[in-house]
Amino acid sequence: GSTPDRGLEELAVQEGAIGIITKPISIDELVPKIQTFLQG
């Protein structure tokens, strides 16, 4: 729910995540984002 910034994104990747999705989640954007994450 935090506003993503470069520091948070870098920490997420450093800790082993592949990306960030912010809340509230836009339903229209969610499936394309998930597909992108699934494809690497």
PDB file of all heavy atoms in Angstrom:
ATOM      1  N   GLY A   1       0.823  -1.201   0.000  1.00  0.00           N
ATOM      2  CA  GLY A   1       0.000   0.000   0.000  1.00  0.00           C
ATOM      3  C   GLY A   1       0.855   1.247   0.000  1.00  0.00           C
ATOM      4  O   GLY A   1       0.368   2.354  -0.187  1.00  0.00           O
ATOM      5  N   SER A   2       2.146   1.076   0.189  1.00  0.00           N
ATOM      6  CA  SER A   2       3.078   2.205   0.172  1.00  0.00           C
ATOM      7  C   SER A   2       3.283   2.676  -1.257  1.00  0.00           C
ATOM      8  O   SER A   2       3.194   1.890  -2.195  1.00  0.00           O
ATOM      9  CB  SER A   2       4.439   1.796   0.730  1.00  0.00           C
ATOM     10  OG  SER A   2       4.313   1.288   2.026  1.00  0.00           O
ATOM     11  N   THR A   3       3.590   3.940  -1.398  1.00  0.00           N
ATOM     12  CA  THR A   3       3.952   4.444  -2.710  1.00  0.00           C
ATOM     13  C   THR A   3       5.322   3.878  -3.051  1.00  0.00           C
ATOM     14  O   THR A   3       6.277   4.069  -2.297  1.00  0.00           O
ATOM     15  CB  THR A   3       4.020   5.986  -2.705  1.00  0.00           C
ATOM     16  OG1 THR A   3       2.768   6.478  -2.242  1.00  0.00           O
ATOM     17  CG2 THR A   3       4.324   6.519  -4.077  1.00  0.00           C
ATOM     18  N   PRO A   4       5.399   3.136  -4.167  1.00  0.00           N
ATOM     19  CA  PRO A   4       6.691   2.518  -4.468  1.00  0.00           C
ATOM     20  C   PRO A   4       7.728   3.567  -4.864  1.00  0.00           C
ATOM     21  O   PRO A   4       7.414   4.517  -5.566  1.00  0.00           O
ATOM     22  CB  PRO A   4       6.381   1.594  -5.642  1.00  0.00           C
ATOM     23  CG  PRO A   4       5.179   2.175  -6.284  1.00  0.00           C
ATOM     24  CD  PRO A   4       4.406   2.852  -5.179  1.00  0.00           C
ATOM     25  N   ASP A   5       8.910   3.391  -4.354  1.00  0.00           N
ATOM     26  CA  ASP A   5      10.007   4.248  -4.771  1.00  0.00           C
ATOM     27  C   ASP A   5      11.172   3.338  -5.161  1.00  0.00           C
ATOM     28  O   ASP A   5      11.115   2.133  -4.964  1.00  0.00           O
ATOM     29  CB  ASP A   5      10.397   5.245  -3.670  1.00  0.00           C
ATOM     30  CG  ASP A   5      10.785   4.563  -2.369  1.00  0.00           C
ATOM     31  OD1 ASP A   5      11.356   3.445  -2.406  1.00  0.00           O
ATOM     32  OD2 ASP A   5      10.533   5.133  -1.304  1.00  0.00           O
ATOM     33  N   ARG A   6      12.177   3.927  -5.730  1.00  0.00           N
ATOM     34  CA  ARG A   6      13.301   3.128  -6.196  1.00  0.00           C
ATOM     35  C   ARG A   6      13.920   2.318  -5.059  1.00  0.00           C
ATOM     36  O   ARG A   6      14.314   1.181  -5.236  1.00  0.00           O
ATOM     37  CB  ARG A   6      14.350   4.022  -6.850  1.00  0.00           C
ATOM     38  CG  ARG A   6      15.468   3.211  -7.457  1.00  0.00           C
ATOM     39  CD  ARG A   6      16.386   3.949  -8.364  1.00  0.00           C
ATOM     40  NE  ARG A   6      16.101   4.198  -9.738  1.00  0.00           N
ATOM     41  CZ  ARG A   6      15.522   3.392 -10.624  1.00  0.00           C
ATOM     42  NH1 ARG A   6      15.042   2.249 -10.232  1.00  0.00           N
ATOM     43  NH2 ARG A   6      15.409   3.712 -11.878  1.00  0.00           N
ATOM     44  N   GLY A   7      13.986   2.897  -3.867  1.00  0.00           N
ATOM     45  CA  GLY A   7      14.556   2.187  -2.728  1.00  0.00           C
ATOM     46  C   GLY A   7      13.787   0.921  -2.390  1.00  0.00           C
ATOM     47  O   GLY A   7      14.379  -0.130  -2.144  1.00  0.00           O
ATOM     48  N   LEU A   8      12.458   1.018  -2.388  1.00  0.00           N
ATOM     49  CA  LEU A   8      11.627  -0.148  -2.083  1.00  0.00           C
ATOM     50  C   LEU A   8      11.762  -1.199  -3.180  1.00  0.00           C
ATOM     51  O   LEU A   8      11.882  -2.389  -2.902  1.00  0.00           O
ATOM     52  CB  LEU A   8      10.159   0.260  -1.912  1.00  0.00           C
ATOM     53  CG  LEU A   8       9.190  -0.884  -1.605  1.00  0.00           C
ATOM     54  CD1 LEU A   8       9.573  -1.603  -0.318  1.00  0.00           C
ATOM     55  CD2 LEU A   8       7.765  -0.361  -1.515  1.00  0.00           C
ATOM     56  N   GLU A   9      11.758  -0.763  -4.426  1.00  0.00           N
ATOM     57  CA  GLU A   9      11.902  -1.704  -5.542  1.00  0.00           C
ATOM     58  C   GLU A   9      13.257  -2.401  -5.494  1.00  0.00           C
ATOM     59  O   GLU A   9      13.336  -3.616  -5.692  1.00  0.00           O
ATOM     60  CB  GLU A   9      11.715  -0.983  -6.878  1.00  0.00           C
ATOM     61  CG  GLU A   9      10.278  -0.559  -7.112  1.00  0.00           C
ATOM     62  CD  GLU A   9      10.068   0.109  -8.459  1.00  0.00           C
ATOM     63  OE1 GLU A   9      10.744  -0.286  -9.432  1.00  0.00           O
ATOM     64  OE2 GLU A   9       9.244   1.028  -8.525  1.00  0.00           O
ATOM     65  N   GLU A  10      14.314  -1.643  -5.210  1.00  0.00           N
ATOM     66  CA  GLU A  10      15.652  -2.243  -5.116  1.00  0.00           C
ATOM     67  C   GLU A  10      15.730  -3.231  -3.961  1.00  0.00           C
ATOM     68  O   GLU A  10      16.310  -4.304  -4.095  1.00  0.00           O
ATOM     69  CB  GLU A  10      16.715  -1.157  -4.971  1.00  0.00           C
ATOM     70  CG  GLU A  10      16.949  -0.377  -6.248  1.00  0.00           C
ATOM     71  CD  GLU A  10      17.922   0.784  -6.082  1.00  0.00           C
ATOM     72  OE1 GLU A  10      18.442   0.985  -4.959  1.00  0.00           O
ATOM     73  OE2 GLU A  10      18.153   1.499  -7.071  1.00  0.00           O
ATOM     74  N   LEU A  11      15.143  -2.871  -2.818  1.00  0.00           N
ATOM     75  CA  LEU A  11      15.140  -3.772  -1.667  1.00  0.00           C
ATOM     76  C   LEU A  11      14.362  -5.046  -1.988  1.00  0.00           C
ATOM     77  O   LEU A  11      14.808  -6.144  -1.658  1.00  0.00           O
ATOM     78  CB  LEU A  11      14.536  -3.070  -0.441  1.00  0.00           C
ATOM     79  CG  LEU A  11      14.459  -3.906   0.831  1.00  0.00           C
ATOM     80  CD1 LEU A  11      15.845  -4.378   1.272  1.00  0.00           C
ATOM     81  CD2 LEU A  11      13.786  -3.115   1.951  1.00  0.00           C
ATOM     82  N   ALA A  12      13.223  -4.896  -2.642  1.00  0.00           N
ATOM     83  CA  ALA A  12      12.415  -6.067  -2.998  1.00  0.00           C
ATOM     84  C   ALA A  12      13.210  -7.032  -3.875  1.00  0.00           C
ATOM     85  O   ALA A  12      13.235  -8.243  -3.622  1.00  0.00           O
ATOM     86  CB  ALA A  12      11.135  -5.617  -3.706  1.00  0.00           C
ATOM     87  N   VAL A  13      13.874  -6.502  -4.880  1.00  0.00           N
ATOM     88  CA  VAL A  13      14.674  -7.342  -5.776  1.00  0.00           C
ATOM     89  C   VAL A  13      15.862  -7.949  -5.019  1.00  0.00           C
ATOM     90  O   VAL A  13      16.173  -9.131  -5.171  1.00  0.00           O
ATOM     91  CB  VAL A  13      15.136  -6.544  -7.014  1.00  0.00           C
ATOM     92  CG1 VAL A  13      16.149  -7.327  -7.838  1.00  0.00           C
ATOM     93  CG2 VAL A  13      13.930  -6.167  -7.868  1.00  0.00           C
ATOM     94  N   GLN A  14      16.495  -7.150  -4.183  1.00  0.00           N
ATOM     95  CA  GLN A  14      17.628  -7.631  -3.380  1.00  0.00           C
ATOM     96  C   GLN A  14      17.195  -8.785  -2.474  1.00  0.00           C
ATOM     97  O   GLN A  14      17.944  -9.735  -2.265  1.00  0.00           O
ATOM     98  CB  GLN A  14      18.167  -6.473  -2.537  1.00  0.00           C
ATOM     99  CG  GLN A  14      19.351  -6.812  -1.681  1.00  0.00           C
ATOM    100  CD  GLN A  14      19.811  -5.601  -0.862  1.00  0.00           C
ATOM    101  OE1 GLN A  14      19.542  -4.460  -1.199  1.00  0.00           O
ATOM    102  NE2 GLN A  14      20.486  -5.868   0.224  1.00  0.00           N
ATOM    103  N   GLU A  15      15.969  -8.705  -1.958  1.00  0.00           N
ATOM    104  CA  GLU A  15      15.466  -9.750  -1.054  1.00  0.00           C
ATOM    105  C   GLU A  15      14.922 -10.963  -1.807  1.00  0.00           C
ATOM    106  O   GLU A  15      14.517 -11.941  -1.201  1.00  0.00           O
ATOM    107  CB  GLU A  15      14.377  -9.177  -0.135  1.00  0.00           C
ATOM    108  CG  GLU A  15      14.902  -8.158   0.862  1.00  0.00           C
ATOM    109  CD  GLU A  15      15.865  -8.745   1.873  1.00  0.00           C
ATOM    110  OE1 GLU A  15      15.696  -9.910   2.289  1.00  0.00           O
ATOM    111  OE2 GLU A  15      16.812  -8.037   2.263  1.00  0.00           O
ATOM    112  N   GLY A  16      14.863 -10.865  -3.135  1.00  0.00           N
ATOM    113  CA  GLY A  16      14.452 -12.023  -3.924  1.00  0.00           C
ATOM    114  C   GLY A  16      13.109 -11.918  -4.613  1.00  0.00           C
ATOM    115  O   GLY A  16      12.654 -12.887  -5.237  1.00  0.00           O
ATOM    116  N   ALA A  17      12.433 -10.775  -4.522  1.00  0.00           N
ATOM    117  CA  ALA A  17      11.162 -10.602  -5.230  1.00  0.00           C
ATOM    118  C   ALA A  17      11.446 -10.236  -6.684  1.00  0.00           C
ATOM    119  O   ALA A  17      12.550  -9.793  -7.018  1.00  0.00           O
ATOM    120  CB  ALA A  17      10.331  -9.506  -4.567  1.00  0.00           C
ATOM    121  N   ILE A  18      10.462 -10.409  -7.546  1.00  0.00           N
ATOM    122  CA  ILE A  18      10.653 -10.084  -8.959  1.00  0.00           C
ATOM    123  C   ILE A  18       9.972  -8.783  -9.356  1.00  0.00           C
ATOM    124  O   ILE A  18      10.109  -8.335 -10.489  1.00  0.00           O
ATOM    125  CB  ILE A  18      10.178 -11.233  -9.872  1.00  0.00           C
ATOM    126  CG1 ILE A  18       8.692 -11.517  -9.671  1.00  0.00           C
ATOM    127  CG2 ILE A  18      11.028 -12.470  -9.657  1.00  0.00           C
ATOM    128  CD1 ILE A  18       8.102 -12.463 -10.690  1.00  0.00           C
ATOM    129  N   GLY A  19       9.229  -8.176  -8.427  1.00  0.00           N
ATOM    130  CA  GLY A  19       8.577  -6.921  -8.736  1.00  0.00           C
ATOM    131  C   GLY A  19       7.632  -6.485  -7.639  1.00  0.00           C
ATOM    132  O   GLY A  19       7.543  -7.126  -6.592  1.00  0.00           O
ATOM    133  N   ILE A  20       6.931  -5.388  -7.916  1.00  0.00           N
ATOM    134  CA  ILE A  20       6.018  -4.789  -6.940  1.00  0.00           C
ATOM    135  C   ILE A  20       4.696  -4.471  -7.627  1.00  0.00           C
ATOM    136  O   ILE A  20       4.677  -4.008  -8.773  1.00  0.00           O
ATOM    137  CB  ILE A  20       6.611  -3.496  -6.355  1.00  0.00           C
ATOM    138  CG1 ILE A  20       7.841  -3.800  -5.517  1.00  0.00           C
ATOM    139  CG2 ILE A  20       5.586  -2.741  -5.518  1.00  0.00           C
ATOM    140  CD1 ILE A  20       8.528  -2.583  -4.948  1.00  0.00           C
ATOM    141  N   ILE A  21       3.608  -4.713  -6.921  1.00  0.00           N
ATOM    142  CA  ILE A  21       2.272  -4.268  -7.317  1.00  0.00           C
ATOM    143  C   ILE A  21       1.767  -3.384  -6.185  1.00  0.00           C
ATOM    144  O   ILE A  21       1.875  -3.756  -5.021  1.00  0.00           O
ATOM    145  CB  ILE A  21       1.315  -5.452  -7.534  1.00  0.00           C
ATOM    146  CG1 ILE A  21       1.768  -6.311  -8.716  1.00  0.00           C
ATOM    147  CG2 ILE A  21      -0.113  -4.955  -7.753  1.00  0.00           C
ATOM    148  CD1 ILE A  21       0.942  -7.564  -8.936  1.00  0.00           C
ATOM    149  N   THR A  22       1.236  -2.212  -6.527  1.00  0.00           N
ATOM    150  CA  THR A  22       0.751  -1.304  -5.488  1.00  0.00           C
ATOM    151  C   THR A  22      -0.754  -1.421  -5.301  1.00  0.00           C
ATOM    152  O   THR A  22      -1.498  -1.700  -6.243  1.00  0.00           O
ATOM    153  CB  THR A  22       1.111   0.159  -5.808  1.00  0.00           C
ATOM    154  OG1 THR A  22       0.597   0.489  -7.088  1.00  0.00           O
ATOM    155  CG2 THR A  22       2.598   0.373  -5.784  1.00  0.00           C
ATOM    156  N   LYS A  23      -1.169  -1.228  -4.041  1.00  0.00           N
ATOM    157  CA  LYS A  23      -2.591  -1.165  -3.693  1.00  0.00           C
ATOM    158  C   LYS A  23      -3.026   0.298  -3.741  1.00  0.00           C
ATOM    159  O   LYS A  23      -2.212   1.157  -3.413  1.00  0.00           O
ATOM    160  CB  LYS A  23      -2.825  -1.693  -2.271  1.00  0.00           C
ATOM    161  CG  LYS A  23      -2.578  -3.157  -2.088  1.00  0.00           C
ATOM    162  CD  LYS A  23      -2.852  -3.503  -0.640  1.00  0.00           C
ATOM    163  CE  LYS A  23      -2.578  -4.946  -0.320  1.00  0.00           C
ATOM    164  NZ  LYS A  23      -2.810  -5.264   1.089  1.00  0.00           N
ATOM    165  N   PRO A  24      -4.241   0.604  -4.060  1.00  0.00           N
ATOM    166  CA  PRO A  24      -5.252  -0.364  -4.498  1.00  0.00           C
ATOM    167  C   PRO A  24      -4.874  -0.933  -5.864  1.00  0.00           C
ATOM    168  O   PRO A  24      -4.314  -0.248  -6.703  1.00  0.00           O
ATOM    169  CB  PRO A  24      -6.536   0.455  -4.571  1.00  0.00           C
ATOM    170  CG  PRO A  24      -6.091   1.869  -4.725  1.00  0.00           C
ATOM    171  CD  PRO A  24      -4.758   1.980  -4.060  1.00  0.00           C
ATOM    172  N   ILE A  25      -5.210  -2.193  -6.049  1.00  0.00           N
ATOM    173  CA  ILE A  25      -4.857  -2.894  -7.274  1.00  0.00           C
ATOM    174  C   ILE A  25      -5.875  -2.564  -8.361  1.00  0.00           C
ATOM    175  O   ILE A  25      -7.069  -2.727  -8.156  1.00  0.00           O
ATOM    176  CB  ILE A  25      -4.809  -4.421  -7.019  1.00  0.00           C
ATOM    177  CG1 ILE A  25      -3.716  -4.737  -6.003  1.00  0.00           C
ATOM    178  CG2 ILE A  25      -4.591  -5.182  -8.315  1.00  0.00           C
ATOM    179  CD1 ILE A  25      -3.717  -6.165  -5.513  1.00  0.00           C
ATOM    180  N   SER A  26      -5.386  -2.103  -9.474  1.00  0.00           N
ATOM    181  CA  SER A  26      -6.251  -1.841 -10.627  1.00  0.00           C
ATOM    182  C   SER A  26      -6.553  -3.169 -11.305  1.00  0.00           C
ATOM    183  O   SER A  26      -5.653  -3.819 -11.843  1.00  0.00           O
ATOM    184  CB  SER A  26      -5.558  -0.895 -11.603  1.00  0.00           C
ATOM    185  OG  SER A  26      -6.246  -0.903 -12.837  1.00  0.00           O
ATOM    186  N   ILE A  27      -7.811  -3.580 -11.278  1.00  0.00           N
ATOM    187  CA  ILE A  27      -8.215  -4.852 -11.862  1.00  0.00           C
ATOM    188  C   ILE A  27      -7.869  -4.904 -13.349  1.00  0.00           C
ATOM    189  O   ILE A  27      -7.444  -5.934 -13.863  1.00  0.00           O
ATOM    190  CB  ILE A  27      -9.728  -5.097 -11.624  1.00  0.00           C
ATOM    191  CG1 ILE A  27      -9.988  -5.326 -10.127  1.00  0.00           C
ATOM    192  CG2 ILE A  27     -10.238  -6.269 -12.430  1.00  0.00           C
ATOM    193  CD1 ILE A  27      -9.306  -6.527  -9.523  1.00  0.00           C
ATOM    194  N   ASP A  28      -8.046  -3.778 -14.055  1.00  0.00           N
ATOM    195  CA  ASP A  28      -7.752  -3.747 -15.491  1.00  0.00           C
ATOM    196  C   ASP A  28      -6.278  -4.011 -15.784  1.00  0.00           C
ATOM    197  O   ASP A  28      -5.947  -4.559 -16.831  1.00  0.00           O
ATOM    198  CB  ASP A  28      -8.143  -2.392 -16.096  1.00  0.00           C
ATOM    199  CG  ASP A  28      -9.641  -2.158 -16.076  1.00  0.00           C
ATOM    200  OD1 ASP A  28     -10.393  -3.157 -16.030  1.00  0.00           O
ATOM    201  OD2 ASP A  28     -10.057  -0.994 -16.099  1.00  0.00           O
ATOM    202  N   GLU A  29      -5.403  -3.605 -14.871  1.00  0.00           N
ATOM    203  CA  GLU A  29      -3.963  -3.764 -15.081  1.00  0.00           C
ATOM    204  C   GLU A  29      -3.414  -5.047 -14.472  1.00  0.00           C
ATOM    205  O   GLU A  29      -2.296  -5.456 -14.793  1.00  0.00           O
ATOM    206  CB  GLU A  29      -3.222  -2.577 -14.469  1.00  0.00           C
ATOM    207  CG  GLU A  29      -3.537  -1.252 -15.117  1.00  0.00           C
ATOM    208  CD  GLU A  29      -2.886  -0.074 -14.405  1.00  0.00           C
ATOM    209  OE1 GLU A  29      -2.039  -0.296 -13.506  1.00  0.00           O
ATOM    210  OE2 GLU A  29      -3.223   1.069 -14.736  1.00  0.00           O
ATOM    211  N   LEU A  30      -4.194  -5.689 -13.595  1.00  0.00           N
ATOM    212  CA  LEU A  30      -3.661  -6.810 -12.824  1.00  0.00           C
ATOM    213  C   LEU A  30      -3.291  -8.018 -13.680  1.00  0.00           C
ATOM    214  O   LEU A  30      -2.187  -8.529 -13.576  1.00  0.00           O
ATOM    215  CB  LEU A  30      -4.653  -7.218 -11.725  1.00  0.00           C
ATOM    216  CG  LEU A  30      -4.158  -8.337 -10.815  1.00  0.00           C
ATOM    217  CD1 LEU A  30      -2.874  -7.928 -10.102  1.00  0.00           C
ATOM    218  CD2 LEU A  30      -5.233  -8.704  -9.813  1.00  0.00           C
ATOM    219  N   VAL A  31      -4.196  -8.479 -14.515  1.00  0.00           N
ATOM    220  CA  VAL A  31      -3.908  -9.687 -15.299  1.00  0.00           C
ATOM    221  C   VAL A  31      -2.710  -9.478 -16.223  1.00  0.00           C
ATOM    222  O   VAL A  31      -1.815 -10.333 -16.253  1.00  0.00           O
ATOM    223  CB  VAL A  31      -5.163 -10.181 -16.055  1.00  0.00           C
ATOM    224  CG1 VAL A  31      -4.807 -11.306 -17.018  1.00  0.00           C
ATOM    225  CG2 VAL A  31      -6.218 -10.651 -15.057  1.00  0.00           C
ATOM    226  N   PRO A  32      -2.627  -8.345 -16.955  1.00  0.00           N
ATOM    227  CA  PRO A  32      -1.413  -8.145 -17.769  1.00  0.00           C
ATOM    228  C   PRO A  32      -0.133  -8.121 -16.928  1.00  0.00           C
ATOM    229  O   PRO A  32       0.900  -8.653 -17.354  1.00  0.00           O
ATOM    230  CB  PRO A  32      -1.653  -6.793 -18.454  1.00  0.00           C
ATOM    231  CG  PRO A  32      -3.134  -6.631 -18.468  1.00  0.00           C
ATOM    232  CD  PRO A  32      -3.630  -7.307 -17.233  1.00  0.00           C
ATOM    233  N   LYS A  33      -0.193  -7.522 -15.733  1.00  0.00           N
ATOM    234  CA  LYS A  33       0.992  -7.508 -14.860  1.00  0.00           C
ATOM    235  C   LYS A  33       1.369  -8.922 -14.444  1.00  0.00           C
ATOM    236  O   LYS A  33       2.535  -9.301 -14.472  1.00  0.00           O
ATOM    237  CB  LYS A  33       0.742  -6.664 -13.609  1.00  0.00           C
ATOM    238  CG  LYS A  33       0.856  -5.183 -13.848  1.00  0.00           C
ATOM    239  CD  LYS A  33       0.714  -4.416 -12.546  1.00  0.00           C
ATOM    240  CE  LYS A  33       0.831  -2.924 -12.793  1.00  0.00           C
ATOM    241  NZ  LYS A  33       0.749  -2.141 -11.567  1.00  0.00           N
ATOM    242  N   ILE A  34       0.365  -9.712 -14.058  1.00  0.00           N
ATOM    243  CA  ILE A  34       0.626 -11.086 -13.640  1.00  0.00           C
ATOM    244  C   ILE A  34       1.239 -11.876 -14.803  1.00  0.00           C
ATOM    245  O   ILE A  34       2.210 -12.612 -14.616  1.00  0.00           O
ATOM    246  CB  ILE A  34      -0.664 -11.761 -13.122  1.00  0.00           C
ATOM    247  CG1 ILE A  34      -1.047 -11.169 -11.765  1.00  0.00           C
ATOM    248  CG2 ILE A  34      -0.477 -13.280 -12.998  1.00  0.00           C
ATOM    249  CD1 ILE A  34      -2.397 -11.624 -11.244  1.00  0.00           C
ATOM    250  N   GLN A  35       0.678 -11.699 -15.994  1.00  0.00           N
ATOM    251  CA  GLN A  35       1.212 -12.415 -17.174  1.00  0.00           C
ATOM    252  C   GLN A  35       2.674 -12.022 -17.411  1.00  0.00           C
ATOM    253  O   GLN A  35       3.509 -12.878 -17.710  1.00  0.00           O
ATOM    254  CB  GLN A  35       0.378 -12.098 -18.425  1.00  0.00           C
ATOM    255  CG  GLN A  35      -1.035 -12.619 -18.363  1.00  0.00           C
ATOM    256  CD  GLN A  35      -1.142 -14.140 -18.425  1.00  0.00           C
ATOM    257  OE1 GLN A  35      -0.152 -14.851 -18.454  1.00  0.00           O
ATOM    258  NE2 GLN A  35      -2.360 -14.631 -18.402  1.00  0.00           N
ATOM    259  N   THR A  36       2.986 -10.739 -17.259  1.00  0.00           N
ATOM    260  CA  THR A  36       4.367 -10.275 -17.444  1.00  0.00           C
ATOM    261  C   THR A  36       5.288 -10.929 -16.418  1.00  0.00           C
ATOM    262  O   THR A  36       6.375 -11.422 -16.760  1.00  0.00           O
ATOM    263  CB  THR A  36       4.437  -8.739 -17.316  1.00  0.00           C
ATOM    264  OG1 THR A  36       3.641  -8.158 -18.345  1.00  0.00           O
ATOM    265  CG2 THR A  36       5.875  -8.243 -17.438  1.00  0.00           C
ATOM    266  N   PHE A  37       4.857 -10.963 -15.140  1.00  0.00           N
ATOM    267  CA  PHE A  37       5.675 -11.588 -14.097  1.00  0.00           C
ATOM    268  C   PHE A  37       5.845 -13.089 -14.363  1.00  0.00           C
ATOM    269  O   PHE A  37       6.925 -13.649 -14.153  1.00  0.00           O
ATOM    270  CB  PHE A  37       5.062 -11.378 -12.721  1.00  0.00           C
ATOM    271  CG  PHE A  37       5.184  -9.956 -12.222  1.00  0.00           C
ATOM    272  CD1 PHE A  37       4.064  -9.266 -11.771  1.00  0.00           C
ATOM    273  CD2 PHE A  37       6.395  -9.290 -12.198  1.00  0.00           C
ATOM    274  CE1 PHE A  37       4.165  -7.958 -11.303  1.00  0.00           C
ATOM    275  CE2 PHE A  37       6.520  -7.998 -11.741  1.00  0.00           C
ATOM    276  CZ  PHE A  37       5.390  -7.323 -11.295  1.00  0.00           C
ATOM    277  N   LEU A  38       4.796 -13.754 -14.833  1.00  0.00           N
ATOM    278  CA  LEU A  38       4.879 -15.185 -15.121  1.00  0.00           C
ATOM    279  C   LEU A  38       5.827 -15.477 -16.277  1.00  0.00           C
ATOM    280  O   LEU A  38       6.454 -16.534 -16.322  1.00  0.00           O
ATOM    281  CB  LEU A  38       3.492 -15.760 -15.420  1.00  0.00           C
ATOM    282  CG  LEU A  38       2.567 -15.899 -14.220  1.00  0.00           C
ATOM    283  CD1 LEU A  38       1.137 -16.177 -14.676  1.00  0.00           C
ATOM    284  CD2 LEU A  38       3.051 -16.983 -13.269  1.00  0.00           C
ATOM    285  N   GLN A  39       5.931 -14.533 -17.209  1.00  0.00           N
ATOM    286  CA  GLN A  39       6.804 -14.712 -18.373  1.00  0.00           C
ATOM    287  C   GLN A  39       8.239 -14.275 -18.090  1.00  0.00           C
ATOM    288  O   GLN A  39       9.081 -14.265 -18.985  1.00  0.00           O
ATOM    289  CB  GLN A  39       6.231 -13.947 -19.571  1.00  0.00           C
ATOM    290  CG  GLN A  39       4.923 -14.519 -20.043  1.00  0.00           C
ATOM    291  CD  GLN A  39       4.179 -13.584 -20.997  1.00  0.00           C
ATOM    292  OE1 GLN A  39       4.681 -12.535 -21.380  1.00  0.00           O
ATOM    293  NE2 GLN A  39       2.964 -13.966 -21.349  1.00  0.00           N
ATOM    294  N   GLY A  40       8.487 -13.853 -16.858  1.00  0.00           N
ATOM    295  CA  GLY A  40       9.854 -13.496 -16.474  1.00  0.00           C
ATOM    296  C   GLY A  40      10.158 -12.020 -16.460  1.00  0.00           C
ATOM    297  O   GLY A  40      11.279 -11.631 -16.167  1.00  0.00           O
TER     298      GLY A  40
END
